[in-house]
């Protein structure tokens, strides 16, 4: 092997090493991006669940209010009963 061939071989090995390092860096970047996406999805899911809890709680309160209101409207109060019996 000539000196030039050895230099070429060393340069090829260095280039292969650089390519391998670059590939590792790309893989690391992809993993970090994937983790960020998972974190964002988890955050969005938690936010959606919290929204659903609040919405469901509001709906229960509204239904309770409507039921109580309907009960009050349907039941005659004492004044109404006294007017009916005194007539």
Protein backbone atom coordinates (compact mmCIF):
# COMPACT_ATOMS: atom_id res chain seq x y z
CA UNK A 1 0.00 0.00 0.00
CA UNK A 2 1.43 3.33 -1.00
CA UNK A 3 1.50 6.40 1.19
CA UNK A 4 -1.28 7.96 -0.86
CA UNK A 5 -3.42 4.83 -0.50
CA UNK A 6 -2.88 4.88 3.27
CA UNK A 7 -3.88 8.55 3.42
CA UNK A 8 -6.95 7.78 1.33
CA UNK A 9 -7.81 4.84 3.60
CA UNK A 10 -7.41 7.00 6.72
CA UNK A 11 -9.58 9.71 5.16
CA UNK A 12 -12.25 7.13 4.28
CA UNK A 13 -12.24 5.84 7.86
CA UNK A 14 -12.53 9.41 9.17
CA UNK A 15 -15.42 10.14 6.80
CA UNK A 16 -17.14 6.92 7.88
CA UNK A 17 -16.65 7.96 11.49
CA UNK A 18 -18.13 11.38 10.79
CA UNK A 19 -21.07 9.77 8.99
CA UNK A 20 -21.64 7.42 11.93
CA UNK A 21 -21.52 10.34 14.39
CA UNK A 22 -23.90 12.33 12.23
CA UNK A 23 -26.25 9.37 12.10
CA UNK A 24 -26.13 9.04 15.89
CA UNK A 25 -26.88 12.75 16.27
CA UNK A 26 -29.86 12.41 13.92
CA UNK A 27 -31.17 9.45 15.90
CA UNK A 28 -30.76 11.40 19.13
CA UNK A 29 -32.62 14.38 17.64
CA UNK A 30 -35.44 12.10 16.47
CA UNK A 31 -35.74 10.58 19.94
CA UNK A 32 -35.84 14.01 21.55
CA UNK A 33 -38.50 15.17 19.10
CA UNK A 34 -40.52 12.02 19.74
CA UNK A 35 -40.29 12.62 23.48
CA UNK A 36 -41.40 16.24 23.04
CA UNK A 37 -44.36 15.07 20.96
CA UNK A 38 -45.33 12.51 23.62
CA UNK A 39 -45.01 15.17 26.33
CA UNK A 40 -47.22 17.56 24.37
CA UNK A 41 -49.79 14.84 23.72
CA UNK A 42 -49.85 13.94 27.41
CA UNK A 43 -50.28 17.61 28.33
CA UNK A 44 -53.08 18.02 25.79
CA UNK A 45 -54.79 14.89 27.09
CA UNK A 46 -54.56 16.13 30.69
CA UNK A 47 -55.98 19.49 29.61
CA UNK A 48 -58.83 17.78 27.75
CA UNK A 49 -59.61 15.61 30.78
CA UNK A 50 -59.66 18.67 33.03
CA UNK A 51 -61.96 20.44 30.58
CA UNK A 52 -64.24 17.39 30.53
CA UNK A 53 -64.31 17.25 34.35
CA UNK A 54 -65.23 20.94 34.55
CA UNK A 55 -67.82 20.59 31.79
CA UNK A 56 -69.38 17.54 33.46
CA UNK A 57 -69.42 19.32 36.81
CA UNK A 58 -71.10 22.35 35.22
CA UNK A 59 -73.65 20.11 33.53
CA UNK A 60 -74.45 18.38 36.85
CA UNK A 61 -74.86 21.76 38.54
CA UNK A 62 -77.15 22.94 35.74
CA UNK A 63 -79.26 19.78 35.94
CA UNK A 64 -79.46 20.06 39.73
CA UNK A 65 -80.52 23.68 39.40
CA UNK A 66 -83.16 22.82 36.80
CA UNK A 67 -84.48 19.93 38.89
CA UNK A 68 -84.69 22.12 41.99
CA UNK A 69 -86.33 24.89 40.01
CA UNK A 70 -88.87 22.49 38.51
CA UNK A 71 -89.57 21.06 41.94
CA UNK A 72 -90.20 24.53 43.32
CA UNK A 73 -92.50 25.41 40.42
CA UNK A 74 -94.40 22.12 40.65
CA UNK A 75 -94.93 22.25 44.42
CA UNK A 76 -97.40 24.82 45.65
CA UNK A 77 -96.05 26.90 48.46
CA UNK A 78 -97.82 27.42 51.80
CA UNK A 79 -99.36 30.73 50.72
CA UNK A 80 -100.99 29.07 47.73
CA UNK A 81 -102.34 26.29 49.94
CA UNK A 82 -103.81 28.78 52.40
CA UNK A 83 -105.52 30.71 49.61
CA UNK A 84 -107.02 27.52 48.21
CA UNK A 85 -108.33 26.33 51.59
CA UNK A 86 -109.66 29.73 52.64
CA UNK A 87 -111.73 30.15 49.48
